[in-house]
C-alpha atoms as a PDB file:
ATOM      1  CA  MET A   1     126.621  -1.863 -56.859  1.00  0.00           C
ATOM      2  CA  ARG A   2     124.133   0.635 -58.283  1.00  0.00           C
ATOM      3  CA  PHE A   3     120.498  -0.029 -59.011  1.00  0.00           C
ATOM      4  CA  PHE A   4     118.541   2.175 -61.386  1.00  0.00           C
ATOM      5  CA  SER A   5     115.209   3.710 -60.517  1.00  0.00           C
ATOM      6  CA  PHE A   6     113.221   1.140 -62.487  1.00  0.00           C
ATOM      7  CA  THR A   7     114.242  -1.540 -59.959  1.00  0.00           C
ATOM      8  CA  LYS A   8     112.051  -1.459 -56.865  1.00  0.00           C
ATOM      9  CA  GLU A   9     113.252  -3.037 -53.636  1.00  0.00           C
ATOM     10  CA  ILE A  10     110.707  -4.831 -51.475  1.00  0.00           C
ATOM     11  CA  ALA A  11     110.890  -7.053 -48.404  1.00  0.00           C
ATOM     12  CA  ILE A  12     108.331  -9.848 -48.055  1.00  0.00           C
ATOM     13  CA  ASP A  13     107.323 -11.839 -45.004  1.00  0.00           C
ATOM     14  CA  LEU A  14     105.600 -14.709 -46.795  1.00  0.00           C
ATOM     15  CA  GLY A  15     103.613 -16.161 -43.919  1.00  0.00           C
ATOM     16  CA  THR A  16     101.214 -19.097 -43.736  1.00  0.00           C
ATOM     17  CA  ALA A  17      98.526 -16.809 -42.297  1.00  0.00           C
ATOM     18  CA  ASN A  18      99.534 -13.309 -43.457  1.00  0.00           C
ATOM     19  CA  THR A  19     101.845 -11.771 -46.030  1.00  0.00           C
ATOM     20  CA  VAL A  20     103.511  -8.442 -45.300  1.00  0.00           C
ATOM     21  CA  ILE A  21     105.327  -6.335 -47.919  1.00  0.00           C
ATOM     22  CA  ILE A  22     107.656  -3.477 -46.996  1.00  0.00           C
ATOM     23  CA  HIS A  23     108.837  -0.791 -49.429  1.00  0.00           C
ATOM     24  CA  ASN A  24     110.979   2.207 -48.420  1.00  0.00           C
ATOM     25  CA  ASP A  25     110.731   1.215 -44.708  1.00  0.00           C
ATOM     26  CA  LYS A  26     106.930   1.382 -44.900  1.00  0.00           C
ATOM     27  CA  ILE A  27     104.475  -1.502 -44.610  1.00  0.00           C
ATOM     28  CA  VAL A  28     102.560  -1.249 -47.879  1.00  0.00           C
ATOM     29  CA  ILE A  29     100.713  -4.587 -47.652  1.00  0.00           C
ATOM     30  CA  ASP A  30      99.583  -6.572 -44.596  1.00  0.00           C
ATOM     31  CA  GLU A  31      96.962  -9.028 -45.799  1.00  0.00           C
ATOM     32  CA  PRO A  32      95.876 -12.665 -45.343  1.00  0.00           C
ATOM     33  CA  SER A  33      97.826 -15.241 -47.398  1.00  0.00           C
ATOM     34  CA  ILE A  34      94.863 -16.399 -49.443  1.00  0.00           C
ATOM     35  CA  VAL A  35      93.677 -16.223 -53.055  1.00  0.00           C
ATOM     36  CA  ALA A  36      90.326 -16.774 -54.759  1.00  0.00           C
ATOM     37  CA  LEU A  37      90.620 -18.553 -58.119  1.00  0.00           C
ATOM     38  CA  ASP A  38      88.276 -19.381 -60.964  1.00  0.00           C
ATOM     39  CA  LYS A  39      87.734 -23.163 -60.808  1.00  0.00           C
ATOM     40  CA  MET A  40      87.614 -23.543 -64.576  1.00  0.00           C
ATOM     41  CA  THR A  41      90.545 -21.373 -65.665  1.00  0.00           C
ATOM     42  CA  ASP A  42      92.592 -21.028 -62.423  1.00  0.00           C
ATOM     43  CA  LYS A  43      92.675 -17.274 -63.046  1.00  0.00           C
ATOM     44  CA  LEU A  44      93.020 -14.949 -60.067  1.00  0.00           C
ATOM     45  CA  ILE A  45      89.711 -13.446 -58.904  1.00  0.00           C
ATOM     46  CA  ALA A  46      90.811 -11.865 -55.621  1.00  0.00           C
ATOM     47  CA  VAL A  47      93.791 -11.806 -53.280  1.00  0.00           C
ATOM     48  CA  GLY A  48      94.313 -10.991 -49.603  1.00  0.00           C
ATOM     49  CA  LYS A  49      91.426  -9.416 -47.669  1.00  0.00           C
ATOM     50  CA  GLU A  50      88.970  -9.658 -50.579  1.00  0.00           C
ATOM     51  CA  ALA A  51      89.724 -13.379 -50.990  1.00  0.00           C
ATOM     52  CA  GLN A  52      89.388 -13.970 -47.242  1.00  0.00           C
ATOM     53  CA  GLN A  53      85.885 -12.485 -47.311  1.00  0.00           C
ATOM     54  CA  MET A  54      84.962 -15.199 -49.830  1.00  0.00           C
ATOM     55  CA  GLN A  55      86.392 -18.045 -47.710  1.00  0.00           C
ATOM     56  CA  GLY A  56      83.689 -20.533 -46.747  1.00  0.00           C
ATOM     57  CA  LYS A  57      81.162 -18.722 -48.951  1.00  0.00           C
ATOM     58  CA  GLU A  58      82.319 -19.903 -52.405  1.00  0.00           C
ATOM     59  CA  ASN A  59      79.946 -20.909 -55.208  1.00  0.00           C
ATOM     60  CA  GLU A  60      80.625 -23.638 -57.791  1.00  0.00           C
ATOM     61  CA  ARG A  61      82.742 -21.230 -59.879  1.00  0.00           C
ATOM     62  CA  ILE A  62      85.133 -20.015 -57.162  1.00  0.00           C
ATOM     63  CA  ARG A  63      87.640 -21.758 -54.912  1.00  0.00           C
ATOM     64  CA  THR A  64      89.722 -20.123 -52.198  1.00  0.00           C
ATOM     65  CA  VAL A  65      93.254 -21.389 -51.599  1.00  0.00           C
ATOM     66  CA  ARG A  66      95.817 -20.755 -48.897  1.00  0.00           C
ATOM     67  CA  PRO A  67      99.013 -21.383 -50.898  1.00  0.00           C
ATOM     68  CA  LEU A  68     101.207 -21.957 -47.849  1.00  0.00           C
ATOM     69  CA  ARG A  69     100.761 -24.739 -45.351  1.00  0.00           C
ATOM     70  CA  LYS A  70     103.080 -25.387 -42.407  1.00  0.00           C
ATOM     71  CA  GLY A  71     105.333 -22.563 -43.557  1.00  0.00           C
ATOM     72  CA  VAL A  72     106.001 -24.029 -47.001  1.00  0.00           C
ATOM     73  CA  ILE A  73     104.419 -23.597 -50.421  1.00  0.00           C
ATOM     74  CA  ALA A  74     101.702 -26.217 -50.861  1.00  0.00           C
ATOM     75  CA  ASP A  75     100.290 -24.814 -54.120  1.00  0.00           C
ATOM     76  CA  PHE A  76     102.992 -23.412 -56.403  1.00  0.00           C
ATOM     77  CA  ASN A  77     100.638 -21.756 -58.926  1.00  0.00           C
ATOM     78  CA  ALA A  78      98.472 -20.139 -56.222  1.00  0.00           C
ATOM     79  CA  ALA A  79     101.604 -18.858 -54.398  1.00  0.00           C
ATOM     80  CA  GLU A  80     102.898 -17.213 -57.562  1.00  0.00           C
ATOM     81  CA  LEU A  81      99.499 -15.598 -58.251  1.00  0.00           C
ATOM     82  CA  MET A  82      99.295 -14.423 -54.636  1.00  0.00           C
ATOM     83  CA  ILE A  83     102.747 -12.785 -54.621  1.00  0.00           C
ATOM     84  CA  ARG A  84     102.088 -11.202 -58.016  1.00  0.00           C
ATOM     85  CA  GLY A  85      98.614  -9.991 -56.905  1.00  0.00           C
ATOM     86  CA  LEU A  86      99.863  -8.504 -53.614  1.00  0.00           C
ATOM     87  CA  VAL A  87     102.831  -6.775 -55.292  1.00  0.00           C
ATOM     88  CA  LYS A  88     100.433  -5.314 -57.874  1.00  0.00           C
ATOM     89  CA  LYS A  89      98.135  -4.156 -55.065  1.00  0.00           C
ATOM     90  CA  ALA A  90     101.101  -2.530 -53.302  1.00  0.00           C
ATOM     91  CA  SER A  91     102.225  -0.745 -56.476  1.00  0.00           C
ATOM     92  CA  SER A  92      98.744   0.595 -57.292  1.00  0.00           C
ATOM     93  CA  LYS A  93      98.280   1.774 -53.687  1.00  0.00           C
ATOM     94  CA  ASN A  94     101.596   3.614 -53.717  1.00  0.00           C
ATOM     95  CA  ASN A  95     101.676   4.765 -57.344  1.00  0.00           C
ATOM     96  CA  TRP A  96     104.874   3.031 -58.369  1.00  0.00           C
ATOM     97  CA  PHE A  97     105.560   0.744 -61.254  1.00  0.00           C
ATOM     98  CA  ALA A  98     108.520  -1.619 -61.420  1.00  0.00           C
ATOM     99  CA  PRO A  99     109.412  -3.728 -64.428  1.00  0.00           C
ATOM    100  CA  SER A 100     111.871  -5.560 -62.148  1.00  0.00           C
ATOM    101  CA  LEU A 101     111.943  -6.145 -58.417  1.00  0.00           C
ATOM    102  CA  ARG A 102     114.665  -6.849 -55.918  1.00  0.00           C
ATOM    103  CA  MET A 103     113.206  -8.943 -53.084  1.00  0.00           C
ATOM    104  CA  VAL A 104     114.277 -10.245 -49.706  1.00  0.00           C
ATOM    105  CA  VAL A 105     111.905 -13.000 -48.523  1.00  0.00           C
ATOM    106  CA  GLY A 106     111.669 -14.492 -45.021  1.00  0.00           C
ATOM    107  CA  ILE A 107     111.670 -18.329 -44.899  1.00  0.00           C
ATOM    108  CA  PRO A 108     111.381 -20.868 -42.031  1.00  0.00           C
ATOM    109  CA  SER A 109     114.770 -21.916 -40.591  1.00  0.00           C
ATOM    110  CA  GLY A 110     113.860 -25.586 -41.074  1.00  0.00           C
ATOM    111  CA  SER A 111     113.264 -25.189 -44.839  1.00  0.00           C
ATOM    112  CA  THR A 112     114.735 -27.842 -47.111  1.00  0.00           C
ATOM    113  CA  GLU A 113     116.565 -26.943 -50.333  1.00  0.00           C
ATOM    114  CA  VAL A 114     113.461 -27.986 -52.304  1.00  0.00           C
ATOM    115  CA  GLU A 115     111.231 -25.685 -50.234  1.00  0.00           C
ATOM    116  CA  ILE A 116     113.679 -22.781 -50.579  1.00  0.00           C
ATOM    117  CA  ARG A 117     113.787 -23.364 -54.343  1.00  0.00           C
ATOM    118  CA  ALA A 118     109.963 -23.258 -54.467  1.00  0.00           C
ATOM    119  CA  VAL A 119     109.876 -19.855 -52.716  1.00  0.00           C
ATOM    120  CA  ARG A 120     112.636 -18.526 -54.970  1.00  0.00           C
ATOM    121  CA  ASP A 121     110.901 -19.755 -58.143  1.00  0.00           C
ATOM    122  CA  SER A 122     107.517 -18.342 -57.088  1.00  0.00           C
ATOM    123  CA  SER A 123     109.112 -14.975 -56.275  1.00  0.00           C
ATOM    124  CA  GLU A 124     110.995 -14.891 -59.586  1.00  0.00           C
ATOM    125  CA  HIS A 125     107.883 -15.809 -61.583  1.00  0.00           C
ATOM    126  CA  ALA A 126     106.027 -13.021 -59.769  1.00  0.00           C
ATOM    127  CA  GLY A 127     108.533 -10.442 -61.058  1.00  0.00           C
ATOM    128  CA  GLY A 128     111.559 -10.749 -58.768  1.00  0.00           C
ATOM    129  CA  ARG A 129     114.788 -10.093 -60.658  1.00  0.00           C
ATOM    130  CA  ASP A 130     117.092 -10.530 -57.641  1.00  0.00           C
ATOM    131  CA  VAL A 131     115.567 -12.728 -54.936  1.00  0.00           C
ATOM    132  CA  TYR A 132     117.307 -13.185 -51.577  1.00  0.00           C
ATOM    133  CA  MET A 133     116.249 -15.315 -48.595  1.00  0.00           C
ATOM    134  CA  ILE A 134     116.634 -14.721 -44.868  1.00  0.00           C
ATOM    135  CA  TYR A 135     115.678 -17.160 -42.121  1.00  0.00           C
ATOM    136  CA  GLU A 136     112.652 -15.972 -40.145  1.00  0.00           C
ATOM    137  CA  PRO A 137     114.191 -16.150 -36.622  1.00  0.00           C
ATOM    138  CA  MET A 138     117.123 -14.027 -37.842  1.00  0.00           C
ATOM    139  CA  ALA A 139     114.673 -11.566 -39.454  1.00  0.00           C
ATOM    140  CA  ALA A 140     112.620 -11.505 -36.216  1.00  0.00           C
ATOM    141  CA  ALA A 141     115.779 -10.692 -34.209  1.00  0.00           C
ATOM    142  CA  LEU A 142     116.583  -7.812 -36.579  1.00  0.00           C
ATOM    143  CA  GLY A 143     112.954  -6.644 -36.397  1.00  0.00           C
ATOM    144  CA  ILE A 144     113.016  -6.655 -32.579  1.00  0.00           C
ATOM    145  CA  GLY A 145     116.146  -4.494 -32.711  1.00  0.00           C
ATOM    146  CA  LEU A 146     118.710  -6.990 -31.398  1.00  0.00           C
ATOM    147  CA  ASP A 147     122.361  -6.722 -32.405  1.00  0.00           C
ATOM    148  CA  VAL A 148     122.606 -10.082 -34.172  1.00  0.00           C
ATOM    149  CA  THR A 149     126.357  -9.661 -34.841  1.00  0.00           C
ATOM    150  CA  ALA A 150     127.252  -9.252 -31.138  1.00  0.00           C
ATOM    151  CA  PRO A 151     129.239 -12.016 -29.380  1.00  0.00           C
ATOM    152  CA  GLU A 152     126.326 -12.925 -27.130  1.00  0.00           C
ATOM    153  CA  GLY A 153     123.436 -15.354 -27.257  1.00  0.00           C
ATOM    154  CA  ASN A 154     119.871 -14.278 -27.961  1.00  0.00           C
ATOM    155  CA  MET A 155     116.956 -16.674 -28.262  1.00  0.00           C
ATOM    156  CA  ILE A 156     113.938 -16.016 -30.472  1.00  0.00           C
ATOM    157  CA  VAL A 157     110.685 -17.998 -30.429  1.00  0.00           C
ATOM    158  CA  ASP A 158     108.661 -17.033 -33.506  1.00  0.00           C
ATOM    159  CA  ILE A 159     105.181 -18.599 -33.433  1.00  0.00           C
ATOM    160  CA  GLY A 160     103.609 -18.083 -36.846  1.00  0.00           C
ATOM    161  CA  GLY A 161     100.609 -19.604 -38.570  1.00  0.00           C
ATOM    162  CA  GLY A 162     102.245 -22.793 -39.837  1.00  0.00           C
ATOM    163  CA  THR A 163     105.512 -23.211 -37.926  1.00  0.00           C
ATOM    164  CA  THR A 164     107.138 -22.289 -34.642  1.00  0.00           C
ATOM    165  CA  GLU A 165     110.737 -21.229 -35.195  1.00  0.00           C
ATOM    166  CA  ILE A 166     113.094 -21.338 -32.227  1.00  0.00           C
ATOM    167  CA  ALA A 167     116.665 -20.146 -32.714  1.00  0.00           C
ATOM    168  CA  VAL A 168     119.693 -19.124 -30.685  1.00  0.00           C
ATOM    169  CA  ILE A 169     121.580 -16.364 -32.498  1.00  0.00           C
ATOM    170  CA  SER A 170     125.159 -15.216 -31.905  1.00  0.00           C
ATOM    171  CA  LEU A 171     127.836 -13.499 -34.037  1.00  0.00           C
ATOM    172  CA  GLY A 172     125.446 -13.136 -36.980  1.00  0.00           C
ATOM    173  CA  GLY A 173     124.583 -16.815 -37.223  1.00  0.00           C
ATOM    174  CA  ILE A 174     122.105 -19.386 -35.938  1.00  0.00           C
ATOM    175  CA  VAL A 175     123.896 -21.534 -33.343  1.00  0.00           C
ATOM    176  CA  SER A 176     121.023 -23.918 -32.606  1.00  0.00           C
ATOM    177  CA  ASN A 177     117.518 -24.000 -33.982  1.00  0.00           C
ATOM    178  CA  LYS A 178     114.345 -25.978 -33.835  1.00  0.00           C
ATOM    179  CA  SER A 179     111.517 -25.647 -36.332  1.00  0.00           C
ATOM    180  CA  ILE A 180     108.292 -27.473 -35.498  1.00  0.00           C
ATOM    181  CA  GLN A 181     105.077 -27.645 -37.468  1.00  0.00           C
ATOM    182  CA  ILE A 182     102.886 -26.736 -34.505  1.00  0.00           C
ATOM    183  CA  ALA A 183     101.668 -23.134 -34.556  1.00  0.00           C
ATOM    184  CA  GLY A 184      98.609 -20.893 -34.947  1.00  0.00           C
ATOM    185  CA  ASP A 185      96.835 -23.116 -37.499  1.00  0.00           C
ATOM    186  CA  ASP A 186      97.031 -26.069 -35.108  1.00  0.00           C
ATOM    187  CA  LEU A 187      95.423 -24.024 -32.333  1.00  0.00           C
ATOM    188  CA  THR A 188      92.638 -23.106 -34.793  1.00  0.00           C
ATOM    189  CA  ASP A 189      92.175 -26.824 -35.655  1.00  0.00           C
ATOM    190  CA  ASP A 190      92.096 -27.700 -31.930  1.00  0.00           C
ATOM    191  CA  ILE A 191      89.298 -25.151 -31.433  1.00  0.00           C
ATOM    192  CA  GLN A 192      87.280 -26.440 -34.415  1.00  0.00           C
ATOM    193  CA  ASN A 193      87.529 -30.036 -33.130  1.00  0.00           C
ATOM    194  CA  HIS A 194      86.650 -28.987 -29.587  1.00  0.00           C
ATOM    195  CA  MET A 195      83.525 -27.090 -30.700  1.00  0.00           C
ATOM    196  CA  ARG A 196      82.360 -30.174 -32.626  1.00  0.00           C
ATOM    197  CA  ARG A 197      83.031 -32.594 -29.773  1.00  0.00           C
ATOM    198  CA  ALA A 198      81.998 -30.513 -26.750  1.00  0.00           C
ATOM    199  CA  HIS A 199      79.120 -28.447 -28.170  1.00  0.00           C
ATOM    200  CA  ASN A 200      78.036 -30.391 -31.240  1.00  0.00           C
ATOM    201  CA  VAL A 201      78.370 -27.187 -33.244  1.00  0.00           C
ATOM    202  CA  LYS A 202      80.154 -26.939 -36.551  1.00  0.00           C
ATOM    203  CA  VAL A 203      82.410 -23.878 -36.994  1.00  0.00           C
ATOM    204  CA  GLY A 204      84.508 -22.879 -39.986  1.00  0.00           C
ATOM    205  CA  GLU A 205      88.177 -21.900 -39.999  1.00  0.00           C
ATOM    206  CA  ARG A 206      87.424 -18.175 -39.827  1.00  0.00           C
ATOM    207  CA  THR A 207      85.078 -18.547 -36.831  1.00  0.00           C
ATOM    208  CA  ALA A 208      87.651 -20.705 -35.009  1.00  0.00           C
ATOM    209  CA  GLU A 209      90.233 -17.999 -35.708  1.00  0.00           C
ATOM    210  CA  LEU A 210      87.890 -15.382 -34.187  1.00  0.00           C
ATOM    211  CA  ILE A 211      87.412 -17.567 -31.088  1.00  0.00           C
ATOM    212  CA  LYS A 212      91.217 -17.819 -30.749  1.00  0.00           C
ATOM    213  CA  MET A 213      91.662 -14.052 -31.069  1.00  0.00           C
ATOM    214  CA  ASN A 214      88.843 -13.188 -28.655  1.00  0.00           C
ATOM    215  CA  VAL A 215      89.214 -15.811 -25.921  1.00  0.00           C
ATOM    216  CA  GLY A 216      92.428 -17.714 -26.719  1.00  0.00           C
ATOM    217  CA  ALA A 217      94.586 -18.215 -23.615  1.00  0.00           C
ATOM    218  CA  ALA A 218      97.525 -20.324 -22.420  1.00  0.00           C
ATOM    219  CA  LEU A 219      96.540 -20.052 -18.721  1.00  0.00           C
ATOM    220  CA  THR A 220      93.283 -20.798 -16.900  1.00  0.00           C
ATOM    221  CA  GLU A 221      93.800 -17.791 -14.606  1.00  0.00           C
ATOM    222  CA  LEU A 222      94.400 -14.394 -16.189  1.00  0.00           C
ATOM    223  CA  ASP A 223      94.768 -10.938 -14.621  1.00  0.00           C
ATOM    224  CA  ASN A 224      92.537  -9.349 -17.282  1.00  0.00           C
ATOM    225  CA  PRO A 225      90.226 -12.136 -18.453  1.00  0.00           C
ATOM    226  CA  PRO A 226      88.260 -11.566 -21.675  1.00  0.00           C
ATOM    227  CA  GLU A 227      84.486 -11.873 -21.717  1.00  0.00           C
ATOM    228  CA  ASP A 228      82.961 -15.060 -23.106  1.00  0.00           C
ATOM    229  CA  PHE A 229      82.713 -15.115 -26.889  1.00  0.00           C
ATOM    230  CA  ILE A 230      79.321 -16.021 -28.381  1.00  0.00           C
ATOM    231  CA  VAL A 231      79.549 -18.503 -31.252  1.00  0.00           C
ATOM    232  CA  HIS A 232      76.705 -18.966 -33.731  1.00  0.00           C
ATOM    233  CA  GLY A 233      76.555 -22.110 -35.830  1.00  0.00           C
ATOM    234  CA  PRO A 234      74.472 -25.100 -36.893  1.00  0.00           C
ATOM    235  CA  ASN A 235      73.854 -28.075 -34.597  1.00  0.00           C
ATOM    236  CA  GLN A 236      75.576 -31.047 -36.238  1.00  0.00           C
ATOM    237  CA  MET A 237      72.655 -33.377 -35.571  1.00  0.00           C
ATOM    238  CA  THR A 238      69.620 -31.190 -36.255  1.00  0.00           C
ATOM    239  CA  ALA A 239      71.114 -28.391 -38.417  1.00  0.00           C
ATOM    240  CA  LEU A 240      69.164 -25.941 -36.234  1.00  0.00           C
ATOM    241  CA  PRO A 241      70.954 -22.709 -35.251  1.00  0.00           C
ATOM    242  CA  MET A 242      72.866 -22.699 -31.959  1.00  0.00           C
ATOM    243  CA  GLU A 243      74.312 -19.981 -29.771  1.00  0.00           C
ATOM    244  CA  VAL A 244      77.239 -21.118 -27.601  1.00  0.00           C
ATOM    245  CA  PRO A 245      79.151 -18.913 -25.112  1.00  0.00           C
ATOM    246  CA  VAL A 246      82.849 -19.896 -25.026  1.00  0.00           C
ATOM    247  CA  SER A 247      85.154 -18.986 -22.130  1.00  0.00           C
ATOM    248  CA  TYR A 248      88.920 -18.506 -22.202  1.00  0.00           C
ATOM    249  CA  GLN A 249      89.377 -21.357 -19.665  1.00  0.00           C
ATOM    250  CA  GLU A 250      87.631 -23.746 -22.053  1.00  0.00           C
ATOM    251  CA  ILE A 251      89.904 -22.702 -24.934  1.00  0.00           C
ATOM    252  CA  CYS A 252      92.979 -22.983 -22.693  1.00  0.00           C
ATOM    253  CA  HIS A 253      92.106 -26.637 -22.009  1.00  0.00           C
ATOM    254  CA  CYS A 254      91.438 -27.467 -25.651  1.00  0.00           C
ATOM    255  CA  ILE A 255      94.768 -26.043 -26.945  1.00  0.00           C
ATOM    256  CA  GLU A 256      96.797 -27.470 -24.032  1.00  0.00           C
ATOM    257  CA  LYS A 257      98.436 -30.284 -26.062  1.00  0.00           C
ATOM    258  CA  SER A 258      99.682 -27.957 -28.801  1.00  0.00           C
ATOM    259  CA  ILE A 259     101.057 -25.412 -26.294  1.00  0.00           C
ATOM    260  CA  SER A 260     102.860 -28.236 -24.448  1.00  0.00           C
ATOM    261  CA  LYS A 261     104.564 -29.246 -27.721  1.00  0.00           C
ATOM    262  CA  ILE A 262     105.814 -25.671 -28.211  1.00  0.00           C
ATOM    263  CA  GLU A 263     107.116 -25.692 -24.594  1.00  0.00           C
ATOM    264  CA  ALA A 264     108.943 -28.983 -25.233  1.00  0.00           C
ATOM    265  CA  ALA A 265     110.524 -27.582 -28.411  1.00  0.00           C
ATOM    266  CA  VAL A 266     111.833 -24.512 -26.528  1.00  0.00           C
ATOM    267  CA  LEU A 267     113.371 -26.789 -23.863  1.00  0.00           C
ATOM    268  CA  SER A 268     114.900 -28.982 -26.584  1.00  0.00           C
ATOM    269  CA  ALA A 269     116.512 -25.934 -28.247  1.00  0.00           C
ATOM    270  CA  LEU A 270     117.875 -24.799 -24.866  1.00  0.00           C
ATOM    271  CA  GLU A 271     119.391 -28.254 -24.299  1.00  0.00           C
ATOM    272  CA  GLN A 272     121.403 -27.873 -27.533  1.00  0.00           C
ATOM    273  CA  THR A 273     122.699 -24.414 -26.555  1.00  0.00           C
ATOM    274  CA  PRO A 274     126.390 -24.091 -25.539  1.00  0.00           C
ATOM    275  CA  PRO A 275     126.828 -23.111 -21.843  1.00  0.00           C
ATOM    276  CA  GLU A 276     128.261 -19.607 -22.461  1.00  0.00           C
ATOM    277  CA  LEU A 277     125.336 -18.697 -24.715  1.00  0.00           C
ATOM    278  CA  TYR A 278     122.869 -20.319 -22.280  1.00  0.00           C
ATOM    279  CA  ALA A 279     124.146 -17.913 -19.586  1.00  0.00           C
ATOM    280  CA  ASP A 280     123.524 -14.962 -21.945  1.00  0.00           C
ATOM    281  CA  ILE A 281     119.968 -16.166 -22.627  1.00  0.00           C
ATOM    282  CA  VAL A 282     119.218 -16.474 -18.890  1.00  0.00           C
ATOM    283  CA  HIS A 283     120.485 -12.895 -18.501  1.00  0.00           C
ATOM    284  CA  ASN A 284     118.782 -11.410 -21.606  1.00  0.00           C
ATOM    285  CA  GLY A 285     115.573 -13.432 -21.526  1.00  0.00           C
ATOM    286  CA  ILE A 286     113.843 -15.055 -24.491  1.00  0.00           C
ATOM    287  CA  TYR A 287     111.956 -13.047 -27.138  1.00  0.00           C
ATOM    288  CA  LEU A 288     108.510 -14.067 -28.389  1.00  0.00           C
ATOM    289  CA  ALA A 289     107.483 -12.984 -31.889  1.00  0.00           C
ATOM    290  CA  GLY A 290     104.796 -13.913 -34.424  1.00  0.00           C
ATOM    291  CA  GLY A 291     101.017 -13.973 -34.015  1.00  0.00           C
ATOM    292  CA  GLY A 292     101.229 -16.737 -31.392  1.00  0.00           C
ATOM    293  CA  ALA A 293     103.046 -14.326 -29.041  1.00  0.00           C
ATOM    294  CA  LEU A 294      99.691 -12.527 -28.639  1.00  0.00           C
ATOM    295  CA  LEU A 295      98.064 -15.573 -27.000  1.00  0.00           C
ATOM    296  CA  ARG A 296      96.980 -14.396 -23.555  1.00  0.00           C
ATOM    297  CA  GLY A 297      99.223 -15.594 -20.727  1.00  0.00           C
ATOM    298  CA  LEU A 298     101.694 -17.442 -22.977  1.00  0.00           C
ATOM    299  CA  ASP A 299     104.705 -15.374 -21.881  1.00  0.00           C
ATOM    300  CA  LYS A 300     103.870 -15.921 -18.183  1.00  0.00           C
ATOM    301  CA  ARG A 301     103.269 -19.645 -18.678  1.00  0.00           C
ATOM    302  CA  LEU A 302     106.616 -20.118 -20.467  1.00  0.00           C
ATOM    303  CA  THR A 303     108.462 -17.964 -17.906  1.00  0.00           C
ATOM    304  CA  ASP A 304     107.040 -20.041 -15.018  1.00  0.00           C
ATOM    305  CA  LYS A 305     107.687 -23.368 -16.772  1.00  0.00           C
ATOM    306  CA  ILE A 306     111.232 -22.715 -18.025  1.00  0.00           C
ATOM    307  CA  GLY A 307     112.505 -20.262 -15.409  1.00  0.00           C
ATOM    308  CA  ILE A 308     113.783 -17.714 -17.938  1.00  0.00           C
ATOM    309  CA  LYS A 309     111.997 -14.408 -18.531  1.00  0.00           C
ATOM    310  CA  PHE A 310     110.029 -14.276 -21.805  1.00  0.00           C
ATOM    311  CA  HIS A 311     109.575 -10.867 -23.473  1.00  0.00           C
ATOM    312  CA  ILE A 312     106.852 -10.243 -26.051  1.00  0.00           C
ATOM    313  CA  ALA A 313     108.340  -8.304 -28.964  1.00  0.00           C
ATOM    314  CA  GLU A 314     106.871  -4.904 -29.691  1.00  0.00           C
ATOM    315  CA  ASP A 315     104.311  -5.503 -32.462  1.00  0.00           C
ATOM    316  CA  PRO A 316     105.131  -9.257 -32.643  1.00  0.00           C
ATOM    317  CA  LEU A 317     103.033  -9.825 -35.788  1.00  0.00           C
ATOM    318  CA  LEU A 318     105.334  -7.560 -37.783  1.00  0.00           C
ATOM    319  CA  ALA A 319     108.736  -8.467 -36.249  1.00  0.00           C
ATOM    320  CA  VAL A 320     109.768 -10.774 -39.129  1.00  0.00           C
ATOM    321  CA  ALA A 321     108.534  -8.328 -41.775  1.00  0.00           C
ATOM    322  CA  ARG A 322     110.380  -5.393 -40.207  1.00  0.00           C
ATOM    323  CA  GLY A 323     113.555  -7.476 -39.891  1.00  0.00           C
ATOM    324  CA  THR A 324     113.297  -8.519 -43.535  1.00  0.00           C
ATOM    325  CA  GLY A 325     113.060  -4.794 -44.346  1.00  0.00           C
ATOM    326  CA  VAL A 326     116.177  -4.076 -42.247  1.00  0.00           C
ATOM    327  CA  ALA A 327     118.073  -6.827 -44.111  1.00  0.00           C
ATOM    328  CA  LEU A 328     116.964  -5.366 -47.467  1.00  0.00           C
ATOM    329  CA  LYS A 329     118.044  -1.846 -46.501  1.00  0.00           C
ATOM    330  CA  ASN A 330     121.441  -3.068 -45.269  1.00  0.00           C
ATOM    331  CA  ILE A 331     121.960  -5.856 -47.784  1.00  0.00           C
ATOM    332  CA  ASP A 332     125.731  -5.279 -47.985  1.00  0.00           C
ATOM    333  CA  LYS A 333     126.161  -5.212 -44.203  1.00  0.00           C
ATOM    334  CA  PHE A 334     124.040  -8.339 -43.689  1.00  0.00           C
ATOM    335  CA  SER A 335     125.057 -10.204 -46.851  1.00  0.00           C
ATOM    336  CA  PHE A 336     126.330 -13.110 -44.713  1.00  0.00           C
ATOM    337  CA  LEU A 337     122.802 -13.569 -43.273  1.00  0.00           C
ATOM    338  CA  ILE A 338     121.182 -13.805 -46.696  1.00  0.00           C
ATOM    339  CA  ARG A 339     121.172 -16.736 -49.091  1.00  0.00           C
END
């Protein structure tokens, strides 16, 4: 099948936290999944990084929206505007114009038909002529460089912003999978609640995210511990400014429940795995991808708890995006992976 030059091919990792667009094997967009809209007209004011800078600082005319929640589209109109805005940004950055686009989009493996339809519709409304879907764990496996068509079991744990996707892959298909709605956003919520309860200080989503990135940890003892992170915010009772140092041990305790749920989901997926594939996984280890893979000590904690070696993917934040790009480039070879 031939495609003329006016059709551009792009791969999109449409994430709850970040959206990545790949064109010609190059990452052309890697920006937060957020839009700023005019409250009166719902017109797009800003998208990506510019919109994130406005988050928590809006006036009565502007509202910021994260169109995806828990890995699915929560605001259809905002999602369409976001995809359209980011594609436009990519085209202006790279000096290409496409009246029609061929897209491969990564979706959570637990997506329902309704949720898949919503992603497809949003992508089509944003200019996609041919829109294909690939499940995120499969894309992550391709992005890591695994041979997904081999007759052996590989396990991927992809911890994103909205969902944690756990899948066992063999012979080009998903043998067993578990998709839970506990991921990076829940850790951010845990931190916000903890700061309110323990320190009586109110912090916004972006500050909680910074705390997670600077001192987030899954273990209370680390080989290279980060320095305490200083949080500035208003006292909830007096509204006077506060300065609170936060340690990684404190954050480890406050996100403990959410991490335990991810552990339980990995064990549950292993329970459903056929014995021959289980043996392969013990031999190959388990691969961690997504932003959650960067949580300090998580790989060691999971290795100690489950007894199977966990490997952090190279550049885990971009594993799904790169795999979506691989699927796009080899669409004929991987047609059976794409829906």
